[in-house]
PDB file of N, CA and C in Angstrom:
ATOM      1  N   UNK A   1       2.510  -6.686  12.106  1.00  0.00           N
ATOM      2  CA  UNK A   1       3.741  -6.934  11.379  1.00  0.00           C
ATOM      3  C   UNK A   1       3.453  -7.546  10.010  1.00  0.00           C
ATOM      4  N   UNK A   2       2.463  -8.433   9.967  1.00  0.00           N
ATOM      5  CA  UNK A   2       2.136  -9.090   8.702  1.00  0.00           C
ATOM      6  C   UNK A   2       1.573  -8.074   7.704  1.00  0.00           C
ATOM      7  N   UNK A   3       0.778  -7.117   8.198  1.00  0.00           N
ATOM      8  CA  UNK A   3       0.220  -6.119   7.279  1.00  0.00           C
ATOM      9  C   UNK A   3       1.313  -5.246   6.686  1.00  0.00           C
ATOM     10  N   UNK A   4       2.320  -4.895   7.490  1.00  0.00           N
ATOM     11  CA  UNK A   4       3.414  -4.094   6.962  1.00  0.00           C
ATOM     12  C   UNK A   4       4.166  -4.851   5.881  1.00  0.00           C
ATOM     13  N   UNK A   5       4.419  -6.124   6.101  1.00  0.00           N
ATOM     14  CA  UNK A   5       5.116  -6.930   5.105  1.00  0.00           C
ATOM     15  C   UNK A   5       4.277  -7.068   3.839  1.00  0.00           C
ATOM     16  N   UNK A   6       2.975  -7.271   3.998  1.00  0.00           N
ATOM     17  CA  UNK A   6       2.096  -7.376   2.834  1.00  0.00           C
ATOM     18  C   UNK A   6       2.060  -6.095   2.032  1.00  0.00           C
ATOM     19  N   UNK A   7       1.956  -4.948   2.710  1.00  0.00           N
ATOM     20  CA  UNK A   7       1.947  -3.681   1.989  1.00  0.00           C
ATOM     21  C   UNK A   7       3.297  -3.396   1.351  1.00  0.00           C
ATOM     22  N   UNK A   8       4.383  -3.812   2.017  1.00  0.00           N
ATOM     23  CA  UNK A   8       5.713  -3.632   1.432  1.00  0.00           C
ATOM     24  C   UNK A   8       5.851  -4.458   0.151  1.00  0.00           C
ATOM     25  N   UNK A   9       5.391  -5.704   0.187  1.00  0.00           N
ATOM     26  CA  UNK A   9       5.462  -6.538  -1.013  1.00  0.00           C
ATOM     27  C   UNK A   9       4.571  -5.993  -2.124  1.00  0.00           C
ATOM     28  N   UNK A  10       3.405  -5.486  -1.754  1.00  0.00           N
ATOM     29  CA  UNK A  10       2.484  -4.899  -2.725  1.00  0.00           C
ATOM     30  C   UNK A  10       3.103  -3.659  -3.366  1.00  0.00           C
ATOM     31  N   UNK A  11       3.784  -2.830  -2.556  1.00  0.00           N
ATOM     32  CA  UNK A  11       4.438  -1.638  -3.084  1.00  0.00           C
ATOM     33  C   UNK A  11       5.617  -2.002  -3.973  1.00  0.00           C
ATOM     34  N   UNK A  12       6.402  -2.990  -3.567  1.00  0.00           N
ATOM     35  CA  UNK A  12       7.547  -3.379  -4.388  1.00  0.00           C
ATOM     36  C   UNK A  12       7.085  -3.993  -5.709  1.00  0.00           C
ATOM     37  N   UNK A  13       5.972  -4.720  -5.694  1.00  0.00           N
ATOM     38  CA  UNK A  13       5.413  -5.237  -6.934  1.00  0.00           C
ATOM     39  C   UNK A  13       4.998  -4.102  -7.857  1.00  0.00           C
ATOM     40  N   UNK A  14       4.372  -3.074  -7.310  1.00  0.00           N
ATOM     41  CA  UNK A  14       3.975  -1.919  -8.108  1.00  0.00           C
ATOM     42  C   UNK A  14       5.173  -1.199  -8.698  1.00  0.00           C
ATOM     43  N   UNK A  15       6.233  -1.062  -7.924  1.00  0.00           N
ATOM     44  CA  UNK A  15       7.437  -0.397  -8.426  1.00  0.00           C
ATOM     45  C   UNK A  15       8.063  -1.200  -9.555  1.00  0.00           C
ATOM     46  N   UNK A  16       8.135  -2.518  -9.399  1.00  0.00           N
ATOM     47  CA  UNK A  16       8.699  -3.366 -10.457  1.00  0.00           C
ATOM     48  C   UNK A  16       7.844  -3.275 -11.722  1.00  0.00           C
ATOM     49  N   UNK A  17       6.529  -3.236 -11.575  1.00  0.00           N
ATOM     50  CA  UNK A  17       5.658  -3.142 -12.744  1.00  0.00           C
ATOM     51  C   UNK A  17       5.846  -1.798 -13.454  1.00  0.00           C
ATOM     52  N   UNK A  18       5.932  -0.712 -12.691  1.00  0.00           N
ATOM     53  CA  UNK A  18       6.115   0.611 -13.314  1.00  0.00           C
ATOM     54  C   UNK A  18       7.461   0.693 -14.021  1.00  0.00           C
ATOM     55  N   UNK A  19       8.523   0.249 -13.359  1.00  0.00           N
ATOM     56  CA  UNK A  19       9.849   0.311 -13.980  1.00  0.00           C
ATOM     57  C   UNK A  19       9.927  -0.648 -15.169  1.00  0.00           C
ATOM     58  N   UNK A  20       9.334  -1.828 -15.019  1.00  0.00           N
ATOM     59  CA  UNK A  20       9.343  -2.792 -16.121  1.00  0.00           C
ATOM     60  C   UNK A  20       8.540  -2.331 -17.314  1.00  0.00           C
ATOM     61  N   UNK A  21       7.458  -1.597 -17.073  1.00  0.00           N
ATOM     62  CA  UNK A  21       6.650  -1.129 -18.194  1.00  0.00           C
ATOM     63  C   UNK A  21       7.360  -0.042 -18.986  1.00  0.00           C
ATOM     64  N   UNK A  22       8.246   0.686 -18.352  1.00  0.00           N
ATOM     65  CA  UNK A  22       8.944   1.760 -19.051  1.00  0.00           C
ATOM     66  C   UNK A  22      10.314   1.332 -19.584  1.00  0.00           C
ATOM     67  N   UNK A  23      10.700   0.101 -19.350  1.00  0.00           N
ATOM     68  CA  UNK A  23      11.987  -0.385 -19.845  1.00  0.00           C
ATOM     69  C   UNK A  23      11.750  -1.484 -20.875  1.00  0.00           C
ATOM     70  N   UNK A  24      12.823  -2.002 -21.389  1.00  0.00           N
ATOM     71  CA  UNK A  24      12.733  -3.089 -22.364  1.00  0.00           C
ATOM     72  C   UNK A  24      13.320  -4.381 -21.803  1.00  0.00           C
ATOM     73  N   UNK A  25      12.913  -4.729 -20.604  1.00  0.00           N
ATOM     74  CA  UNK A  25      13.369  -5.971 -20.003  1.00  0.00           C
ATOM     75  C   UNK A  25      12.704  -7.139 -20.716  1.00  0.00           C
ATOM     76  N   UNK A  26      13.508  -8.074 -21.185  1.00  0.00           N
ATOM     77  CA  UNK A  26      12.957  -9.230 -21.903  1.00  0.00           C
ATOM     78  C   UNK A  26      12.090 -10.097 -20.999  1.00  0.00           C
ATOM     79  N   UNK A  27      12.504 -10.311 -19.759  1.00  0.00           N
ATOM     80  CA  UNK A  27      11.730 -11.165 -18.863  1.00  0.00           C
ATOM     81  C   UNK A  27      10.373 -10.556 -18.533  1.00  0.00           C
ATOM     82  N   UNK A  28      10.285  -9.231 -18.566  1.00  0.00           N
ATOM     83  CA  UNK A  28       9.003  -8.581 -18.284  1.00  0.00           C
ATOM     84  C   UNK A  28       8.075  -8.646 -19.497  1.00  0.00           C
ATOM     85  N   UNK A  29       8.591  -8.331 -20.660  1.00  0.00           N
ATOM     86  CA  UNK A  29       7.743  -8.276 -21.856  1.00  0.00           C
ATOM     87  C   UNK A  29       7.459  -9.657 -22.435  1.00  0.00           C
ATOM     88  N   UNK A  30       8.188 -10.686 -22.016  1.00  0.00           N
ATOM     89  CA  UNK A  30       7.918 -12.039 -22.498  1.00  0.00           C
ATOM     90  C   UNK A  30       6.974 -12.822 -21.590  1.00  0.00           C
ATOM     91  N   UNK A  31       6.489 -12.189 -20.543  1.00  0.00           N
ATOM     92  CA  UNK A  31       5.487 -12.849 -19.710  1.00  0.00           C
ATOM     93  C   UNK A  31       4.222 -13.032 -20.540  1.00  0.00           C
ATOM     94  N   UNK A  32       3.538 -14.171 -20.408  1.00  0.00           N
ATOM     95  CA  UNK A  32       2.494 -14.553 -21.364  1.00  0.00           C
ATOM     96  C   UNK A  32       1.323 -13.586 -21.430  1.00  0.00           C
ATOM     97  N   UNK A  33       0.901 -13.037 -20.277  1.00  0.00           N
ATOM     98  CA  UNK A  33      -0.239 -12.108 -20.292  1.00  0.00           C
ATOM     99  C   UNK A  33       0.146 -10.776 -20.926  1.00  0.00           C
ATOM    100  N   UNK A  34       1.349 -10.313 -20.651  1.00  0.00           N
ATOM    101  CA  UNK A  34       1.796  -9.053 -21.243  1.00  0.00           C
ATOM    102  C   UNK A  34       2.079  -9.242 -22.727  1.00  0.00           C
ATOM    103  N   UNK A  35       2.637 -10.389 -23.096  1.00  0.00           N
ATOM    104  CA  UNK A  35       2.886 -10.670 -24.509  1.00  0.00           C
ATOM    105  C   UNK A  35       1.573 -10.710 -25.289  1.00  0.00           C
ATOM    106  N   UNK A  36       0.553 -11.288 -24.678  1.00  0.00           N
ATOM    107  CA  UNK A  36      -0.766 -11.336 -25.316  1.00  0.00           C
ATOM    108  C   UNK A  36      -1.352  -9.921 -25.463  1.00  0.00           C
ATOM    109  N   UNK A  37      -1.160  -9.100 -24.446  1.00  0.00           N
ATOM    110  CA  UNK A  37      -1.636  -7.723 -24.505  1.00  0.00           C
ATOM    111  C   UNK A  37      -0.901  -6.919 -25.578  1.00  0.00           C
ATOM    112  N   UNK A  38       0.385  -7.179 -25.735  1.00  0.00           N
ATOM    113  CA  UNK A  38       1.152  -6.502 -26.786  1.00  0.00           C
ATOM    114  C   UNK A  38       0.629  -6.904 -28.159  1.00  0.00           C
ATOM    115  N   UNK A  39       0.315  -8.180 -28.336  1.00  0.00           N
ATOM    116  CA  UNK A  39      -0.226  -8.627 -29.622  1.00  0.00           C
ATOM    117  C   UNK A  39      -1.602  -8.021 -29.897  1.00  0.00           C
ATOM    118  N   UNK A  40      -2.413  -7.860 -28.862  1.00  0.00           N
ATOM    119  CA  UNK A  40      -3.761  -7.331 -29.047  1.00  0.00           C
ATOM    120  C   UNK A  40      -3.797  -5.816 -29.214  1.00  0.00           C
ATOM    121  N   UNK A  41      -3.063  -5.082 -28.349  1.00  0.00           N
ATOM    122  CA  UNK A  41      -3.199  -3.628 -28.311  1.00  0.00           C
ATOM    123  C   UNK A  41      -1.981  -2.863 -28.810  1.00  0.00           C
ATOM    124  N   UNK A  42      -0.846  -3.507 -28.895  1.00  0.00           N
ATOM    125  CA  UNK A  42       0.386  -2.808 -29.251  1.00  0.00           C
ATOM    126  C   UNK A  42       1.185  -2.473 -28.007  1.00  0.00           C
ATOM    127  N   UNK A  43       2.462  -2.203 -28.213  1.00  0.00           N
ATOM    128  CA  UNK A  43       3.349  -1.997 -27.066  1.00  0.00           C
ATOM    129  C   UNK A  43       3.092  -0.657 -26.373  1.00  0.00           C
ATOM    130  N   UNK A  44       2.724   0.370 -27.116  1.00  0.00           N
ATOM    131  CA  UNK A  44       2.487   1.680 -26.518  1.00  0.00           C
ATOM    132  C   UNK A  44       1.307   1.637 -25.551  1.00  0.00           C
ATOM    133  N   UNK A  45       0.206   1.071 -25.962  1.00  0.00           N
ATOM    134  CA  UNK A  45      -0.979   0.980 -25.098  1.00  0.00           C
ATOM    135  C   UNK A  45      -0.705   0.059 -23.912  1.00  0.00           C
ATOM    136  N   UNK A  46       0.024  -1.024 -24.137  1.00  0.00           N
ATOM    137  CA  UNK A  46       0.355  -1.937 -23.046  1.00  0.00           C
ATOM    138  C   UNK A  46       1.259  -1.260 -22.023  1.00  0.00           C
ATOM    139  N   UNK A  47       2.171  -0.405 -22.463  1.00  0.00           N
ATOM    140  CA  UNK A  47       3.006   0.359 -21.535  1.00  0.00           C
ATOM    141  C   UNK A  47       2.146   1.246 -20.647  1.00  0.00           C
ATOM    142  N   UNK A  48       1.166   1.907 -21.235  1.00  0.00           N
ATOM    143  CA  UNK A  48       0.283   2.791 -20.467  1.00  0.00           C
ATOM    144  C   UNK A  48      -0.540   1.986 -19.464  1.00  0.00           C
ATOM    145  N   UNK A  49      -1.092   0.864 -19.909  1.00  0.00           N
ATOM    146  CA  UNK A  49      -1.919   0.033 -19.029  1.00  0.00           C
ATOM    147  C   UNK A  49      -1.107  -0.506 -17.856  1.00  0.00           C
ATOM    148  N   UNK A  50       0.080  -1.040 -18.125  1.00  0.00           N
ATOM    149  CA  UNK A  50       0.887  -1.612 -17.043  1.00  0.00           C
ATOM    150  C   UNK A  50       1.419  -0.527 -16.106  1.00  0.00           C
ATOM    151  N   UNK A  51       1.744   0.658 -16.641  1.00  0.00           N
ATOM    152  CA  UNK A  51       2.192   1.749 -15.770  1.00  0.00           C
ATOM    153  C   UNK A  51       1.059   2.191 -14.849  1.00  0.00           C
ATOM    154  N   UNK A  52      -0.155   2.270 -15.371  1.00  0.00           N
ATOM    155  CA  UNK A  52      -1.307   2.635 -14.535  1.00  0.00           C
ATOM    156  C   UNK A  52      -1.578   1.552 -13.485  1.00  0.00           C
ATOM    157  N   UNK A  53      -1.435   0.297 -13.863  1.00  0.00           N
ATOM    158  CA  UNK A  53      -1.637  -0.798 -12.914  1.00  0.00           C
ATOM    159  C   UNK A  53      -0.603  -0.745 -11.784  1.00  0.00           C
ATOM    160  N   UNK A  54       0.658  -0.528 -12.137  1.00  0.00           N
ATOM    161  CA  UNK A  54       1.702  -0.419 -11.118  1.00  0.00           C
ATOM    162  C   UNK A  54       1.495   0.767 -10.203  1.00  0.00           C
ATOM    163  N   UNK A  55       1.080   1.903 -10.770  1.00  0.00           N
ATOM    164  CA  UNK A  55       0.793   3.089  -9.964  1.00  0.00           C
ATOM    165  C   UNK A  55      -0.378   2.837  -9.030  1.00  0.00           C
ATOM    166  N   UNK A  56      -1.387   2.118  -9.513  1.00  0.00           N
ATOM    167  CA  UNK A  56      -2.530   1.750  -8.684  1.00  0.00           C
ATOM    168  C   UNK A  56      -2.087   0.897  -7.503  1.00  0.00           C
ATOM    169  N   UNK A  57      -1.191  -0.065  -7.728  1.00  0.00           N
ATOM    170  CA  UNK A  57      -0.677  -0.895  -6.634  1.00  0.00           C
ATOM    171  C   UNK A  57       0.073  -0.050  -5.603  1.00  0.00           C
ATOM    172  N   UNK A  58       0.863   0.901  -6.078  1.00  0.00           N
ATOM    173  CA  UNK A  58       1.631   1.757  -5.168  1.00  0.00           C
ATOM    174  C   UNK A  58       0.693   2.603  -4.317  1.00  0.00           C
ATOM    175  N   UNK A  59      -0.311   3.210  -4.935  1.00  0.00           N
ATOM    176  CA  UNK A  59      -1.251   4.030  -4.175  1.00  0.00           C
ATOM    177  C   UNK A  59      -2.058   3.205  -3.184  1.00  0.00           C
ATOM    178  N   UNK A  60      -2.446   1.989  -3.559  1.00  0.00           N
ATOM    179  CA  UNK A  60      -3.169   1.142  -2.615  1.00  0.00           C
ATOM    180  C   UNK A  60      -2.311   0.806  -1.402  1.00  0.00           C
ATOM    181  N   UNK A  61      -1.033   0.549  -1.618  1.00  0.00           N
ATOM    182  CA  UNK A  61      -0.173   0.229  -0.484  1.00  0.00           C
ATOM    183  C   UNK A  61       0.050   1.456   0.398  1.00  0.00           C
ATOM    184  N   UNK A  62       0.139   2.646  -0.192  1.00  0.00           N
ATOM    185  CA  UNK A  62       0.283   3.865   0.606  1.00  0.00           C
ATOM    186  C   UNK A  62      -0.974   4.091   1.445  1.00  0.00           C
ATOM    187  N   UNK A  63      -2.144   3.901   0.845  1.00  0.00           N
ATOM    188  CA  UNK A  63      -3.395   4.042   1.589  1.00  0.00           C
ATOM    189  C   UNK A  63      -3.469   2.996   2.701  1.00  0.00           C
ATOM    190  N   UNK A  64      -3.037   1.784   2.411  1.00  0.00           N
ATOM    191  CA  UNK A  64      -3.031   0.740   3.434  1.00  0.00           C
ATOM    192  C   UNK A  64      -2.113   1.070   4.592  1.00  0.00           C
ATOM    193  N   UNK A  65      -0.915   1.595   4.286  1.00  0.00           N
ATOM    194  CA  UNK A  65      -0.006   2.007   5.356  1.00  0.00           C
ATOM    195  C   UNK A  65      -0.630   3.101   6.201  1.00  0.00           C
ATOM    196  N   UNK A  66      -1.239   4.098   5.566  1.00  0.00           N
ATOM    197  CA  UNK A  66      -1.791   5.210   6.332  1.00  0.00           C
ATOM    198  C   UNK A  66      -2.965   4.749   7.194  1.00  0.00           C
ATOM    199  N   UNK A  67      -3.811   3.859   6.680  1.00  0.00           N
ATOM    200  CA  UNK A  67      -4.926   3.361   7.484  1.00  0.00           C
ATOM    201  C   UNK A  67      -4.430   2.504   8.642  1.00  0.00           C
ATOM    202  N   UNK A  68      -3.363   1.760   8.424  1.00  0.00           N
ATOM    203  CA  UNK A  68      -2.812   0.937   9.499  1.00  0.00           C
ATOM    204  C   UNK A  68      -2.243   1.814  10.611  1.00  0.00           C
ATOM    205  N   UNK A  69      -1.490   2.845  10.242  1.00  0.00           N
ATOM    206  CA  UNK A  69      -0.934   3.733  11.264  1.00  0.00           C
ATOM    207  C   UNK A  69      -2.042   4.472  12.005  1.00  0.00           C
ATOM    208  N   UNK A  70      -3.038   4.963  11.299  1.00  0.00           N
ATOM    209  CA  UNK A  70      -4.115   5.716  11.945  1.00  0.00           C
ATOM    210  C   UNK A  70      -4.952   4.824  12.846  1.00  0.00           C
ATOM    211  N   UNK A  71      -5.239   3.609  12.422  1.00  0.00           N
ATOM    212  CA  UNK A  71      -6.097   2.750  13.234  1.00  0.00           C
ATOM    213  C   UNK A  71      -5.410   2.354  14.537  1.00  0.00           C
ATOM    214  N   UNK A  72      -4.116   2.093  14.518  1.00  0.00           N
ATOM    215  CA  UNK A  72      -3.431   1.689  15.734  1.00  0.00           C
ATOM    216  C   UNK A  72      -3.335   2.838  16.722  1.00  0.00           C
ATOM    217  N   UNK A  73      -3.110   4.054  16.243  1.00  0.00           N
ATOM    218  CA  UNK A  73      -3.031   5.174  17.180  1.00  0.00           C
ATOM    219  C   UNK A  73      -4.407   5.493  17.744  1.00  0.00           C
ATOM    220  N   UNK A  74      -5.452   5.390  16.950  1.00  0.00           N
ATOM    221  CA  UNK A  74      -6.787   5.662  17.467  1.00  0.00           C
ATOM    222  C   UNK A  74      -7.182   4.632  18.519  1.00  0.00           C
ATOM    223  N   UNK A  75      -6.866   3.371  18.283  1.00  0.00           N
ATOM    224  CA  UNK A  75      -7.185   2.331  19.256  1.00  0.00           C
ATOM    225  C   UNK A  75      -6.409   2.566  20.543  1.00  0.00           C
ATOM    226  N   UNK A  76      -5.134   2.919  20.422  1.00  0.00           N
ATOM    227  CA  UNK A  76      -4.320   3.138  21.610  1.00  0.00           C
ATOM    228  C   UNK A  76      -4.864   4.296  22.440  1.00  0.00           C
ATOM    229  N   UNK A  77      -5.190   5.411  21.804  1.00  0.00           N
ATOM    230  CA  UNK A  77      -5.679   6.562  22.556  1.00  0.00           C
ATOM    231  C   UNK A  77      -7.093   6.350  23.087  1.00  0.00           C
ATOM    232  N   UNK A  78      -7.913   5.636  22.352  1.00  0.00           N
ATOM    233  CA  UNK A  78      -9.262   5.382  22.852  1.00  0.00           C
ATOM    234  C   UNK A  78      -9.248   4.469  24.065  1.00  0.00           C
ATOM    235  N   UNK A  79      -8.289   3.578  24.162  1.00  0.00           N
ATOM    236  CA  UNK A  79      -8.222   2.666  25.307  1.00  0.00           C
ATOM    237  C   UNK A  79      -7.615   3.373  26.520  1.00  0.00           C
ATOM    238  N   UNK A  80      -6.584   4.164  26.330  1.00  0.00           N
ATOM    239  CA  UNK A  80      -5.891   4.761  27.474  1.00  0.00           C
ATOM    240  C   UNK A  80      -6.548   6.036  27.973  1.00  0.00           C
ATOM    241  N   UNK A  81      -7.278   6.733  27.135  1.00  0.00           N
ATOM    242  CA  UNK A  81      -7.849   8.007  27.550  1.00  0.00           C
ATOM    243  C   UNK A  81      -8.830   7.872  28.720  1.00  0.00           C
ATOM    244  N   UNK A  82      -9.786   6.939  28.716  1.00  0.00           N
ATOM    245  CA  UNK A  82     -10.683   6.841  29.888  1.00  0.00           C
ATOM    246  C   UNK A  82      -9.945   6.499  31.173  1.00  0.00           C
ATOM    247  N   UNK A  83      -8.917   5.652  31.103  1.00  0.00           N
ATOM    248  CA  UNK A  83      -8.156   5.311  32.312  1.00  0.00           C
ATOM    249  C   UNK A  83      -7.416   6.527  32.853  1.00  0.00           C
ATOM    250  N   UNK A  84      -6.838   7.329  31.974  1.00  0.00           N
ATOM    251  CA  UNK A  84      -6.137   8.527  32.424  1.00  0.00           C
ATOM    252  C   UNK A  84      -7.116   9.526  33.022  1.00  0.00           C
ATOM    253  N   UNK A  85      -8.280   9.647  32.412  1.00  0.00           N
ATOM    254  CA  UNK A  85      -9.282  10.579  32.925  1.00  0.00           C
ATOM    255  C   UNK A  85      -9.781  10.131  34.304  1.00  0.00           C
ATOM    256  N   UNK A  86     -10.030   8.838  34.460  1.00  0.00           N
ATOM    257  CA  UNK A  86     -10.480   8.332  35.767  1.00  0.00           C
ATOM    258  C   UNK A  86      -9.404   8.538  36.826  1.00  0.00           C
ATOM    259  N   UNK A  87      -8.154   8.332  36.464  1.00  0.00           N
ATOM    260  CA  UNK A  87      -7.064   8.564  37.406  1.00  0.00           C
ATOM    261  C   UNK A  87      -6.997  10.014  37.833  1.00  0.00           C
ATOM    262  N   UNK A  88      -7.196  10.915  36.891  1.00  0.00           N
ATOM    263  CA  UNK A  88      -7.206  12.344  37.197  1.00  0.00           C
ATOM    264  C   UNK A  88      -8.365  12.691  38.127  1.00  0.00           C
ATOM    265  N   UNK A  89      -9.556  12.170  37.839  1.00  0.00           N
ATOM    266  CA  UNK A  89     -10.719  12.471  38.670  1.00  0.00           C
ATOM    267  C   UNK A  89     -10.554  11.902  40.076  1.00  0.00           C
ATOM    268  N   UNK A  90      -9.990  10.720  40.203  1.00  0.00           N
ATOM    269  CA  UNK A  90      -9.773  10.136  41.518  1.00  0.00           C
ATOM    270  C   UNK A  90      -8.764  10.952  42.321  1.00  0.00           C
ATOM    271  N   UNK A  91      -7.739  11.437  41.669  1.00  0.00           N
ATOM    272  CA  UNK A  91      -6.746  12.247  42.373  1.00  0.00           C
ATOM    273  C   UNK A  91      -7.336  13.583  42.799  1.00  0.00           C
ATOM    274  N   UNK A  92      -8.248  14.126  42.028  1.00  0.00           N
ATOM    275  CA  UNK A  92      -8.899  15.382  42.396  1.00  0.00           C
ATOM    276  C   UNK A  92      -9.846  15.188  43.571  1.00  0.00           C
ATOM    277  N   UNK A  93     -10.503  14.030  43.610  1.00  0.00           N
ATOM    278  CA  UNK A  93     -11.434  13.764  44.712  1.00  0.00           C
ATOM    279  C   UNK A  93     -10.716  13.456  46.021  1.00  0.00           C
ATOM    280  N   UNK A  94      -9.496  12.976  45.961  1.00  0.00           N
ATOM    281  CA  UNK A  94      -8.748  12.605  47.169  1.00  0.00           C
ATOM    282  C   UNK A  94      -8.031  13.801  47.801  1.00  0.00           C
ATOM    283  N   UNK A  95      -8.135  14.964  47.250  1.00  0.00           N
ATOM    284  CA  UNK A  95      -7.444  16.128  47.812  1.00  0.00           C
ATOM    285  C   UNK A  95      -8.080  16.603  49.069  1.00  0.00           C
TER     286      UNK A  95
END
């Protein structure tokens, strides 16, 4: 449950960064690190950098979700499969 919440927060952060980089929100562009980047590189380059950063966060959260879903199903099937097979073999031997 904690991993899902963490990936959800990571994805929502990425979405806010992507939308904020393409808009003119004062609270987003007045943040000190972004303001410094605007002074150093210009607003156009900073828009590209922040959009790429937000997209990177979104893709990382998607990869995290997919690995979480795959790992839980693999663990579940790896644990139950030998028990089901043994049950089948025992029933075949008792005939």
